Amino acid sequence: MEKSKTILGIDPGTNILGYGIISVDSKGPHYVDMGVFDLRKIKDPFEKLANIFAGVGELIDEHSPDYLAVESPFYGKNAQVILKLGRAQGAALTAAVMRGIPVAEYAPRKAKIAICGNGAASKEQVSMMIQKTLKVDLDPKYLDATDALAIALCHHYQLSNPLASAGGKTDWKKFLENNPDRIRK
């Protein structure tokens, strides 16, 4: 029997950073924890980054995740926004990398497709699907945290998809070449 895995998902932000933690065992994914770091009262942008680094580090130390999955910044009209999101993401990633935790990054659209089947799904739709998938009732005021749970679930689906290691294409020949240990004789 394979040991359970813990995945910490991060929805980065410099004002509100969401986190979600799932555990995955032979029965599937299970809700562990979620929440937000509310950084709106901190005015110094570098102090916000220090808080993100420390907070994510504490989560890692407490929950010992096997993976950290983070939402990638997406291109918007304002370059300053993507720069700030990238800095927040970097602070979270650094906390994981310094502790030897493998990191994966997913575009918001990819996570929404993985959870809802629709890359343009709203935060509310994502939250509803997360609640159904993990069989929990979640407070709608934590939409950044449910987005983080979506990122964690997206990573679980990526890990459990045998074609993911073949570049996401349904190319069985390439999959078999890349995974000879999975061939039963």
N, C-alpha and C. Protein backbone atom coordinates (compact mmCIF):
# COMPACT_ATOMS: atom_id res chain seq x y z
N MET A 1 0.85 -1.19 0.00
CA MET A 1 0.00 0.00 0.00
C MET A 1 0.89 1.24 0.00
N GLU A 2 0.54 2.16 -0.85
CA GLU A 2 1.30 3.40 -0.98
C GLU A 2 0.97 4.34 0.17
N LYS A 3 1.99 5.03 0.69
CA LYS A 3 1.75 5.97 1.79
C LYS A 3 1.00 7.18 1.28
N SER A 4 0.27 7.82 2.17
CA SER A 4 -0.48 9.00 1.76
C SER A 4 0.48 10.15 1.46
N LYS A 5 0.01 11.05 0.62
CA LYS A 5 0.80 12.22 0.24
C LYS A 5 0.05 13.46 0.71
N THR A 6 0.80 14.47 1.10
CA THR A 6 0.21 15.74 1.48
C THR A 6 0.66 16.79 0.47
N ILE A 7 -0.31 17.58 0.00
CA ILE A 7 -0.02 18.62 -0.98
C ILE A 7 -0.49 19.96 -0.42
N LEU A 8 0.42 20.92 -0.41
CA LEU A 8 0.11 22.29 0.00
C LEU A 8 -0.07 23.12 -1.27
N GLY A 9 -1.25 23.70 -1.43
CA GLY A 9 -1.52 24.57 -2.56
C GLY A 9 -1.47 26.02 -2.12
N ILE A 10 -0.93 26.87 -2.98
CA ILE A 10 -0.81 28.31 -2.68
C ILE A 10 -1.43 29.12 -3.82
N ASP A 11 -2.30 30.05 -3.46
CA ASP A 11 -2.82 31.06 -4.39
C ASP A 11 -2.14 32.36 -3.96
N PRO A 12 -1.05 32.74 -4.65
CA PRO A 12 -0.24 33.86 -4.16
C PRO A 12 -0.92 35.21 -4.31
N GLY A 13 -0.63 36.06 -3.38
CA GLY A 13 -1.10 37.44 -3.42
C GLY A 13 -0.33 38.25 -2.40
N THR A 14 -0.19 39.54 -2.64
CA THR A 14 0.51 40.38 -1.68
C THR A 14 -0.45 41.05 -0.71
N ASN A 15 -1.74 40.98 -0.98
CA ASN A 15 -2.73 41.46 -0.02
C ASN A 15 -3.40 40.29 0.69
N ILE A 16 -3.86 39.31 -0.09
CA ILE A 16 -4.45 38.09 0.45
C ILE A 16 -3.76 36.92 -0.23
N LEU A 17 -3.16 36.03 0.55
CA LEU A 17 -2.57 34.82 0.02
C LEU A 17 -3.38 33.66 0.56
N GLY A 18 -3.88 32.83 -0.34
CA GLY A 18 -4.66 31.67 0.08
C GLY A 18 -3.80 30.42 0.13
N TYR A 19 -4.11 29.55 1.09
CA TYR A 19 -3.43 28.26 1.13
C TYR A 19 -4.48 27.17 1.38
N GLY A 20 -4.19 26.00 0.84
CA GLY A 20 -5.07 24.85 1.02
C GLY A 20 -4.23 23.60 1.09
N ILE A 21 -4.58 22.70 1.98
CA ILE A 21 -3.79 21.49 2.18
C ILE A 21 -4.72 20.28 2.05
N ILE A 22 -4.28 19.34 1.21
CA ILE A 22 -5.02 18.08 1.07
C ILE A 22 -4.08 16.92 1.36
N SER A 23 -4.68 15.82 1.75
CA SER A 23 -3.96 14.56 1.91
C SER A 23 -4.58 13.60 0.91
N VAL A 24 -3.74 12.79 0.29
CA VAL A 24 -4.23 11.83 -0.70
C VAL A 24 -3.77 10.45 -0.30
N ASP A 25 -4.74 9.55 -0.17
CA ASP A 25 -4.42 8.15 0.12
C ASP A 25 -5.11 7.27 -0.90
N SER A 26 -5.18 5.98 -0.64
CA SER A 26 -5.76 5.05 -1.61
C SER A 26 -7.25 5.31 -1.85
N LYS A 27 -7.90 6.04 -0.96
CA LYS A 27 -9.32 6.37 -1.13
C LYS A 27 -9.53 7.71 -1.82
N GLY A 28 -8.43 8.40 -2.15
CA GLY A 28 -8.54 9.67 -2.86
C GLY A 28 -8.13 10.85 -2.00
N PRO A 29 -8.47 12.06 -2.47
CA PRO A 29 -8.06 13.27 -1.75
C PRO A 29 -8.98 13.59 -0.57
N HIS A 30 -8.39 14.16 0.48
CA HIS A 30 -9.13 14.55 1.68
C HIS A 30 -8.70 15.96 2.10
N TYR A 31 -9.66 16.72 2.58
CA TYR A 31 -9.40 18.07 3.09
C TYR A 31 -8.59 17.97 4.39
N VAL A 32 -7.56 18.82 4.51
CA VAL A 32 -6.78 18.90 5.74
C VAL A 32 -6.96 20.27 6.39
N ASP A 33 -6.68 21.33 5.63
CA ASP A 33 -6.72 22.69 6.21
C ASP A 33 -6.75 23.70 5.07
N MET A 34 -7.17 24.89 5.39
CA MET A 34 -7.13 26.00 4.44
C MET A 34 -7.22 27.30 5.21
N GLY A 35 -6.84 28.39 4.55
CA GLY A 35 -6.93 29.69 5.18
C GLY A 35 -6.29 30.75 4.31
N VAL A 36 -6.18 31.92 4.86
CA VAL A 36 -5.56 33.03 4.14
C VAL A 36 -4.59 33.76 5.05
N PHE A 37 -3.59 34.36 4.43
CA PHE A 37 -2.74 35.32 5.11
C PHE A 37 -3.25 36.68 4.66
N ASP A 38 -3.82 37.43 5.58
CA ASP A 38 -4.33 38.76 5.25
C ASP A 38 -3.22 39.77 5.53
N LEU A 39 -2.65 40.29 4.45
CA LEU A 39 -1.48 41.18 4.54
C LEU A 39 -1.84 42.64 4.26
N ARG A 40 -3.11 42.95 4.20
CA ARG A 40 -3.54 44.30 3.80
C ARG A 40 -3.11 45.39 4.78
N LYS A 41 -2.91 45.06 6.03
CA LYS A 41 -2.52 46.08 7.01
C LYS A 41 -1.02 46.37 6.99
N ILE A 42 -0.26 45.53 6.30
CA ILE A 42 1.19 45.73 6.21
C ILE A 42 1.46 46.64 5.01
N LYS A 43 2.06 47.77 5.25
CA LYS A 43 2.29 48.75 4.17
C LYS A 43 3.59 48.49 3.40
N ASP A 44 4.63 48.06 4.09
CA ASP A 44 5.94 47.84 3.46
C ASP A 44 5.88 46.57 2.60
N PRO A 45 6.09 46.68 1.28
CA PRO A 45 5.97 45.49 0.42
C PRO A 45 6.99 44.39 0.73
N PHE A 46 8.15 44.77 1.25
CA PHE A 46 9.16 43.77 1.57
C PHE A 46 8.84 43.05 2.88
N GLU A 47 8.17 43.75 3.78
CA GLU A 47 7.70 43.11 5.01
C GLU A 47 6.60 42.09 4.67
N LYS A 48 5.78 42.40 3.67
CA LYS A 48 4.77 41.43 3.22
C LYS A 48 5.44 40.15 2.73
N LEU A 49 6.51 40.30 1.94
CA LEU A 49 7.22 39.14 1.42
C LEU A 49 7.83 38.32 2.55
N ALA A 50 8.38 39.00 3.55
CA ALA A 50 8.95 38.30 4.70
C ALA A 50 7.86 37.52 5.44
N ASN A 51 6.67 38.11 5.56
CA ASN A 51 5.54 37.43 6.20
C ASN A 51 5.09 36.22 5.41
N ILE A 52 5.08 36.33 4.08
CA ILE A 52 4.70 35.20 3.23
C ILE A 52 5.71 34.07 3.41
N PHE A 53 6.99 34.40 3.33
CA PHE A 53 8.05 33.41 3.49
C PHE A 53 7.93 32.71 4.85
N ALA A 54 7.77 33.48 5.91
CA ALA A 54 7.67 32.91 7.26
C ALA A 54 6.39 32.09 7.41
N GLY A 55 5.27 32.61 6.92
CA GLY A 55 3.98 31.92 7.07
C GLY A 55 3.94 30.60 6.31
N VAL A 56 4.42 30.61 5.08
CA VAL A 56 4.45 29.36 4.30
C VAL A 56 5.43 28.39 4.95
N GLY A 57 6.54 28.89 5.45
CA GLY A 57 7.49 28.04 6.15
C GLY A 57 6.86 27.36 7.37
N GLU A 58 6.07 28.11 8.12
CA GLU A 58 5.38 27.54 9.28
C GLU A 58 4.38 26.46 8.86
N LEU A 59 3.66 26.71 7.76
CA LEU A 59 2.72 25.69 7.26
C LEU A 59 3.46 24.42 6.86
N ILE A 60 4.60 24.59 6.21
CA ILE A 60 5.39 23.43 5.80
C ILE A 60 5.91 22.68 7.02
N ASP A 61 6.40 23.41 8.00
CA ASP A 61 6.92 22.78 9.21
C ASP A 61 5.81 22.04 9.96
N GLU A 62 4.60 22.59 9.97
CA GLU A 62 3.48 21.98 10.69
C GLU A 62 2.91 20.76 9.97
N HIS A 63 2.75 20.85 8.65
CA HIS A 63 2.04 19.80 7.90
C HIS A 63 2.95 18.86 7.10
N SER A 64 4.22 19.16 7.00
CA SER A 64 5.19 18.33 6.27
C SER A 64 4.67 17.87 4.90
N PRO A 65 4.32 18.80 4.02
CA PRO A 65 3.80 18.37 2.72
C PRO A 65 4.87 17.68 1.88
N ASP A 66 4.41 16.79 1.02
CA ASP A 66 5.29 16.12 0.08
C ASP A 66 5.53 16.99 -1.15
N TYR A 67 4.59 17.89 -1.42
CA TYR A 67 4.66 18.78 -2.58
C TYR A 67 4.08 20.13 -2.22
N LEU A 68 4.58 21.15 -2.91
CA LEU A 68 3.95 22.47 -2.89
C LEU A 68 3.54 22.77 -4.33
N ALA A 69 2.28 23.10 -4.50
CA ALA A 69 1.75 23.48 -5.82
C ALA A 69 1.31 24.93 -5.71
N VAL A 70 1.72 25.73 -6.67
CA VAL A 70 1.45 27.16 -6.61
C VAL A 70 0.82 27.62 -7.93
N GLU A 71 -0.08 28.58 -7.81
CA GLU A 71 -0.68 29.16 -9.00
C GLU A 71 0.31 30.14 -9.62
N SER A 72 0.48 30.03 -10.92
CA SER A 72 1.41 30.94 -11.60
C SER A 72 0.73 32.30 -11.81
N PRO A 73 1.52 33.36 -11.76
CA PRO A 73 0.96 34.67 -12.08
C PRO A 73 0.49 34.67 -13.53
N PHE A 74 -0.60 35.34 -13.79
CA PHE A 74 -1.11 35.40 -15.15
C PHE A 74 -0.97 36.80 -15.69
N TYR A 75 -0.82 36.90 -16.98
CA TYR A 75 -0.61 38.20 -17.60
C TYR A 75 -1.87 39.05 -17.51
N GLY A 76 -1.70 40.27 -17.07
CA GLY A 76 -2.80 41.22 -17.02
C GLY A 76 -2.39 42.50 -17.71
N LYS A 77 -3.26 43.47 -17.64
CA LYS A 77 -2.96 44.75 -18.29
C LYS A 77 -1.95 45.57 -17.51
N ASN A 78 -1.83 45.30 -16.22
CA ASN A 78 -0.95 46.09 -15.37
C ASN A 78 0.29 45.27 -15.01
N ALA A 79 1.44 45.67 -15.53
CA ALA A 79 2.68 44.94 -15.28
C ALA A 79 3.05 44.94 -13.80
N GLN A 80 2.67 45.99 -13.07
CA GLN A 80 2.98 46.05 -11.64
C GLN A 80 2.29 44.92 -10.87
N VAL A 81 1.08 44.57 -11.29
CA VAL A 81 0.33 43.50 -10.61
C VAL A 81 1.04 42.17 -10.77
N ILE A 82 1.46 41.85 -11.99
CA ILE A 82 2.14 40.57 -12.20
C ILE A 82 3.49 40.55 -11.49
N LEU A 83 4.17 41.68 -11.41
CA LEU A 83 5.43 41.75 -10.68
C LEU A 83 5.20 41.45 -9.20
N LYS A 84 4.18 42.06 -8.61
CA LYS A 84 3.88 41.83 -7.19
C LYS A 84 3.48 40.38 -6.94
N LEU A 85 2.66 39.81 -7.83
CA LEU A 85 2.26 38.41 -7.67
C LEU A 85 3.47 37.49 -7.79
N GLY A 86 4.36 37.80 -8.72
CA GLY A 86 5.58 37.00 -8.88
C GLY A 86 6.45 37.04 -7.65
N ARG A 87 6.52 38.19 -7.01
CA ARG A 87 7.31 38.31 -5.78
C ARG A 87 6.68 37.47 -4.66
N ALA A 88 5.35 37.53 -4.55
CA ALA A 88 4.65 36.74 -3.52
C ALA A 88 4.86 35.26 -3.78
N GLN A 89 4.74 34.87 -5.04
CA GLN A 89 4.96 33.47 -5.40
C GLN A 89 6.39 33.06 -5.06
N GLY A 90 7.35 33.92 -5.38
CA GLY A 90 8.76 33.62 -5.10
C GLY A 90 9.04 33.43 -3.62
N ALA A 91 8.40 34.24 -2.78
CA ALA A 91 8.60 34.09 -1.33
C ALA A 91 8.07 32.73 -0.85
N ALA A 92 6.92 32.33 -1.38
CA ALA A 92 6.34 31.03 -1.00
C ALA A 92 7.19 29.88 -1.53
N LEU A 93 7.63 30.00 -2.78
CA LEU A 93 8.46 28.95 -3.39
C LEU A 93 9.78 28.78 -2.65
N THR A 94 10.37 29.88 -2.27
CA THR A 94 11.65 29.83 -1.56
C THR A 94 11.51 29.10 -0.24
N ALA A 95 10.41 29.33 0.46
CA ALA A 95 10.18 28.62 1.73
C ALA A 95 10.15 27.11 1.51
N ALA A 96 9.54 26.67 0.39
CA ALA A 96 9.47 25.24 0.10
C ALA A 96 10.81 24.70 -0.36
N VAL A 97 11.44 25.38 -1.30
CA VAL A 97 12.70 24.90 -1.87
C VAL A 97 13.78 24.79 -0.79
N MET A 98 13.82 25.74 0.13
CA MET A 98 14.83 25.70 1.19
C MET A 98 14.60 24.53 2.15
N ARG A 99 13.39 23.95 2.13
CA ARG A 99 13.10 22.80 2.99
C ARG A 99 13.08 21.50 2.18
N GLY A 100 13.49 21.57 0.93
CA GLY A 100 13.56 20.38 0.09
C GLY A 100 12.23 19.87 -0.41
N ILE A 101 11.23 20.71 -0.44
CA ILE A 101 9.90 20.31 -0.92
C ILE A 101 9.83 20.53 -2.43
N PRO A 102 9.47 19.50 -3.20
CA PRO A 102 9.31 19.69 -4.64
C PRO A 102 8.17 20.67 -4.94
N VAL A 103 8.37 21.49 -5.96
CA VAL A 103 7.42 22.55 -6.30
C VAL A 103 6.87 22.32 -7.70
N ALA A 104 5.58 22.59 -7.87
CA ALA A 104 4.94 22.55 -9.19
C ALA A 104 4.15 23.84 -9.34
N GLU A 105 4.04 24.30 -10.57
CA GLU A 105 3.34 25.56 -10.87
C GLU A 105 2.25 25.28 -11.91
N TYR A 106 1.07 25.85 -11.68
CA TYR A 106 -0.06 25.65 -12.60
C TYR A 106 -0.72 26.98 -12.91
N ALA A 107 -1.05 27.15 -14.16
CA ALA A 107 -1.79 28.33 -14.58
C ALA A 107 -3.20 28.26 -14.00
N PRO A 108 -3.79 29.41 -13.67
CA PRO A 108 -5.15 29.41 -13.13
C PRO A 108 -6.13 28.66 -14.04
N ARG A 109 -5.98 28.84 -15.33
CA ARG A 109 -6.88 28.18 -16.29
C ARG A 109 -6.76 26.65 -16.21
N LYS A 110 -5.54 26.15 -16.08
CA LYS A 110 -5.33 24.70 -15.99
C LYS A 110 -6.00 24.14 -14.74
N ALA A 111 -5.87 24.83 -13.62
CA ALA A 111 -6.49 24.37 -12.37
C ALA A 111 -8.02 24.39 -12.51
N LYS A 112 -8.55 25.43 -13.11
CA LYS A 112 -10.00 25.50 -13.29
C LYS A 112 -10.52 24.40 -14.19
N ILE A 113 -9.76 24.06 -15.23
CA ILE A 113 -10.14 22.95 -16.11
C ILE A 113 -10.10 21.64 -15.33
N ALA A 114 -9.05 21.45 -14.52
CA ALA A 114 -8.91 20.22 -13.74
C ALA A 114 -10.06 20.05 -12.74
N ILE A 115 -10.51 21.14 -12.17
CA ILE A 115 -11.54 21.07 -11.12
C ILE A 115 -12.95 21.14 -11.69
N CYS A 116 -13.18 22.06 -12.61
CA CYS A 116 -14.53 22.33 -13.11
C CYS A 116 -14.77 21.88 -14.56
N GLY A 117 -13.69 21.60 -15.27
CA GLY A 117 -13.84 21.28 -16.68
C GLY A 117 -14.00 22.51 -17.56
N ASN A 118 -13.81 23.69 -16.96
CA ASN A 118 -14.01 24.95 -17.66
C ASN A 118 -12.93 25.93 -17.19
N GLY A 119 -12.07 26.33 -18.11
CA GLY A 119 -10.97 27.23 -17.77
C GLY A 119 -11.41 28.64 -17.41
N ALA A 120 -12.67 28.96 -17.69
CA ALA A 120 -13.20 30.29 -17.36
C ALA A 120 -14.14 30.24 -16.16
N ALA A 121 -14.09 29.17 -15.38
CA ALA A 121 -14.98 29.03 -14.22
C ALA A 121 -14.73 30.16 -13.22
N SER A 122 -15.78 30.56 -12.54
CA SER A 122 -15.67 31.61 -11.52
C SER A 122 -15.10 31.02 -10.23
N LYS A 123 -14.65 31.90 -9.34
CA LYS A 123 -14.16 31.46 -8.04
C LYS A 123 -15.26 30.71 -7.28
N GLU A 124 -16.49 31.15 -7.44
CA GLU A 124 -17.62 30.50 -6.77
C GLU A 124 -17.85 29.09 -7.31
N GLN A 125 -17.71 28.92 -8.63
CA GLN A 125 -17.86 27.58 -9.21
C GLN A 125 -16.74 26.66 -8.73
N VAL A 126 -15.52 27.18 -8.68
CA VAL A 126 -14.39 26.39 -8.19
C VAL A 126 -14.66 25.96 -6.75
N SER A 127 -15.11 26.89 -5.92
CA SER A 127 -15.40 26.60 -4.52
C SER A 127 -16.46 25.50 -4.39
N MET A 128 -17.51 25.59 -5.20
CA MET A 128 -18.57 24.59 -5.15
C MET A 128 -18.03 23.19 -5.51
N MET A 129 -17.20 23.11 -6.54
CA MET A 129 -16.65 21.82 -6.96
C MET A 129 -15.66 21.27 -5.92
N ILE A 130 -14.90 22.16 -5.31
CA ILE A 130 -13.97 21.74 -4.25
C ILE A 130 -14.77 21.12 -3.10
N GLN A 131 -15.86 21.77 -2.72
CA GLN A 131 -16.69 21.27 -1.62
C GLN A 131 -17.26 19.90 -1.95
N LYS A 132 -17.71 19.72 -3.18
CA LYS A 132 -18.27 18.41 -3.58
C LYS A 132 -17.17 17.34 -3.64
N THR A 133 -16.03 17.69 -4.19
CA THR A 133 -14.93 16.73 -4.33
C THR A 133 -14.38 16.29 -2.98
N LEU A 134 -14.17 17.27 -2.09
CA LEU A 134 -13.57 16.96 -0.79
C LEU A 134 -14.61 16.68 0.30
N LYS A 135 -15.90 16.81 -0.06
CA LYS A 135 -17.00 16.53 0.88
C LYS A 135 -16.90 17.36 2.16
N VAL A 136 -16.73 18.68 1.97
CA VAL A 136 -16.65 19.61 3.10
C VAL A 136 -17.50 20.83 2.80
N ASP A 137 -17.94 21.50 3.85
CA ASP A 137 -18.62 22.79 3.71
C ASP A 137 -17.59 23.87 3.99
N LEU A 138 -17.45 24.82 3.05
CA LEU A 138 -16.45 25.86 3.19
C LEU A 138 -17.11 27.23 3.19
N ASP A 139 -16.55 28.13 3.95
CA ASP A 139 -17.05 29.49 4.04
C ASP A 139 -16.73 30.23 2.74
N PRO A 140 -17.75 30.83 2.09
CA PRO A 140 -17.51 31.51 0.82
C PRO A 140 -16.60 32.74 0.93
N LYS A 141 -16.31 33.20 2.14
CA LYS A 141 -15.42 34.35 2.28
C LYS A 141 -13.95 33.98 2.05
N TYR A 142 -13.67 32.68 1.91
CA TYR A 142 -12.30 32.21 1.71
C TYR A 142 -12.06 31.73 0.28
N LEU A 143 -12.46 32.51 -0.71
CA LEU A 143 -12.32 32.08 -2.09
C LEU A 143 -10.85 31.96 -2.51
N ASP A 144 -9.97 32.73 -1.92
CA ASP A 144 -8.54 32.58 -2.23
C ASP A 144 -8.02 31.25 -1.68
N ALA A 145 -8.58 30.81 -0.56
CA ALA A 145 -8.17 29.52 0.01
C ALA A 145 -8.74 28.37 -0.81
N THR A 146 -9.98 28.50 -1.30
CA THR A 146 -10.52 27.42 -2.13
C THR A 146 -9.77 27.36 -3.46
N ASP A 147 -9.31 28.49 -3.96
CA ASP A 147 -8.45 28.47 -5.16
C ASP A 147 -7.16 27.71 -4.86
N ALA A 148 -6.61 27.88 -3.68
CA ALA A 148 -5.39 27.16 -3.29
C ALA A 148 -5.66 25.66 -3.19
N LEU A 149 -6.83 25.29 -2.67
CA LEU A 149 -7.20 23.87 -2.64
C LEU A 149 -7.31 23.33 -4.07
N ALA A 150 -7.82 24.16 -4.98
CA ALA A 150 -7.93 23.75 -6.39
C ALA A 150 -6.55 23.50 -6.98
N ILE A 151 -5.58 24.33 -6.64
CA ILE A 151 -4.21 24.15 -7.13
C ILE A 151 -3.64 22.83 -6.58
N ALA A 152 -3.89 22.56 -5.30
CA ALA A 152 -3.42 21.30 -4.70
C ALA A 152 -4.07 20.10 -5.38
N LEU A 153 -5.38 20.18 -5.62
CA LEU A 153 -6.08 19.08 -6.30
C LEU A 153 -5.59 18.91 -7.73
N CYS A 154 -5.35 20.02 -8.40
CA CYS A 154 -4.82 19.97 -9.76
C CYS A 154 -3.49 19.21 -9.76
N HIS A 155 -2.65 19.46 -8.76
CA HIS A 155 -1.37 18.75 -8.69
C HIS A 155 -1.60 17.26 -8.44
N HIS A 156 -2.53 16.93 -7.58
CA HIS A 156 -2.86 15.52 -7.34
C HIS A 156 -3.29 14.85 -8.65
N TYR A 157 -4.16 15.52 -9.40
CA TYR A 157 -4.62 14.94 -10.67
C TYR A 157 -3.46 14.79 -11.64
N GLN A 158 -2.55 15.74 -11.64
CA GLN A 158 -1.38 15.67 -12.51
C GLN A 158 -0.49 14.48 -12.12
N LEU A 159 -0.29 14.29 -10.82
CA LEU A 159 0.53 13.18 -10.34
C LEU A 159 -0.10 11.82 -10.64
N SER A 160 -1.42 11.76 -10.57
CA SER A 160 -2.10 10.47 -10.74
C SER A 160 -2.44 10.16 -12.20
N ASN A 161 -2.14 11.08 -13.11
CA ASN A 161 -2.40 10.88 -14.54
C ASN A 161 -1.18 10.22 -15.17
N PRO A 162 -1.31 8.96 -15.61
CA PRO A 162 -0.13 8.29 -16.17
C PRO A 162 0.40 8.95 -17.43
N LEU A 163 -0.42 9.74 -18.12
CA LEU A 163 0.05 10.41 -19.33
C LEU A 163 0.73 11.73 -19.05
N ALA A 164 0.64 12.22 -17.81
CA ALA A 164 1.25 13.51 -17.48
C ALA A 164 2.75 13.47 -17.71
N SER A 165 3.37 12.34 -17.39
CA SER A 165 4.82 12.25 -17.56
C SER A 165 5.20 12.10 -19.03
N ALA A 166 4.21 11.87 -19.89
CA ALA A 166 4.47 11.78 -21.34
C ALA A 166 4.17 13.11 -22.01
N GLY A 167 4.18 14.17 -21.23
CA GLY A 167 3.96 15.50 -21.79
C GLY A 167 2.49 15.85 -21.93
N GLY A 168 1.61 15.06 -21.31
CA GLY A 168 0.18 15.36 -21.34
C GLY A 168 -0.49 14.93 -22.64
N LYS A 169 0.24 14.29 -23.53
CA LYS A 169 -0.33 13.84 -24.80
C LYS A 169 -0.67 12.37 -24.68
N THR A 170 -1.63 11.95 -25.43
CA THR A 170 -2.02 10.55 -25.41
C THR A 170 -1.14 9.75 -26.37
N ASP A 171 0.13 9.77 -26.08
CA ASP A 171 1.12 9.06 -26.87
C ASP A 171 1.63 7.89 -26.03
N TRP A 172 0.98 6.73 -26.18
CA TRP A 172 1.32 5.58 -25.35
C TRP A 172 2.73 5.09 -25.61
N LYS A 173 3.19 5.16 -26.83
CA LYS A 173 4.55 4.70 -27.14
C LYS A 173 5.57 5.52 -26.34
N LYS A 174 5.41 6.84 -26.36
CA LYS A 174 6.33 7.70 -25.62
C LYS A 174 6.20 7.45 -24.12
N PHE A 175 4.97 7.26 -23.64
CA PHE A 175 4.75 6.98 -22.22
C PHE A 175 5.50 5.71 -21.82
N LEU A 176 5.38 4.65 -22.61
CA LEU A 176 6.04 3.39 -22.29
C LEU A 176 7.56 3.51 -22.34
N GLU A 177 8.07 4.31 -23.29
CA GLU A 177 9.51 4.54 -23.36
C GLU A 177 10.01 5.27 -22.12
N ASN A 178 9.22 6.23 -21.63
CA ASN A 178 9.62 7.03 -20.47
C ASN A 178 9.35 6.33 -19.14
N ASN A 179 8.56 5.25 -19.16
CA ASN A 179 8.17 4.58 -17.92
C ASN A 179 8.30 3.05 -18.04
N PRO A 180 9.48 2.53 -18.33
CA PRO A 180 9.61 1.09 -18.50
C PRO A 180 9.28 0.30 -17.24
N ASP A 181 9.41 0.93 -16.07
CA ASP A 181 9.10 0.27 -14.82
C ASP A 181 7.61 -0.01 -14.63
N ARG A 182 6.78 0.59 -15.47
CA ARG A 182 5.33 0.41 -15.34
C ARG A 182 4.80 -0.69 -16.26
N ILE A 183 5.68 -1.34 -16.97
CA ILE A 183 5.28 -2.40 -17.89
C ILE A 183 5.33 -3.73 -17.15
N ARG A 184 4.21 -4.44 -17.16
CA ARG A 184 4.17 -5.76 -16.53
C ARG A 184 4.40 -6.80 -17.61
N LYS A 185 5.24 -7.74 -17.27
CA LYS A 185 5.56 -8.79 -18.25
C LYS A 185 5.02 -10.12 -17.80
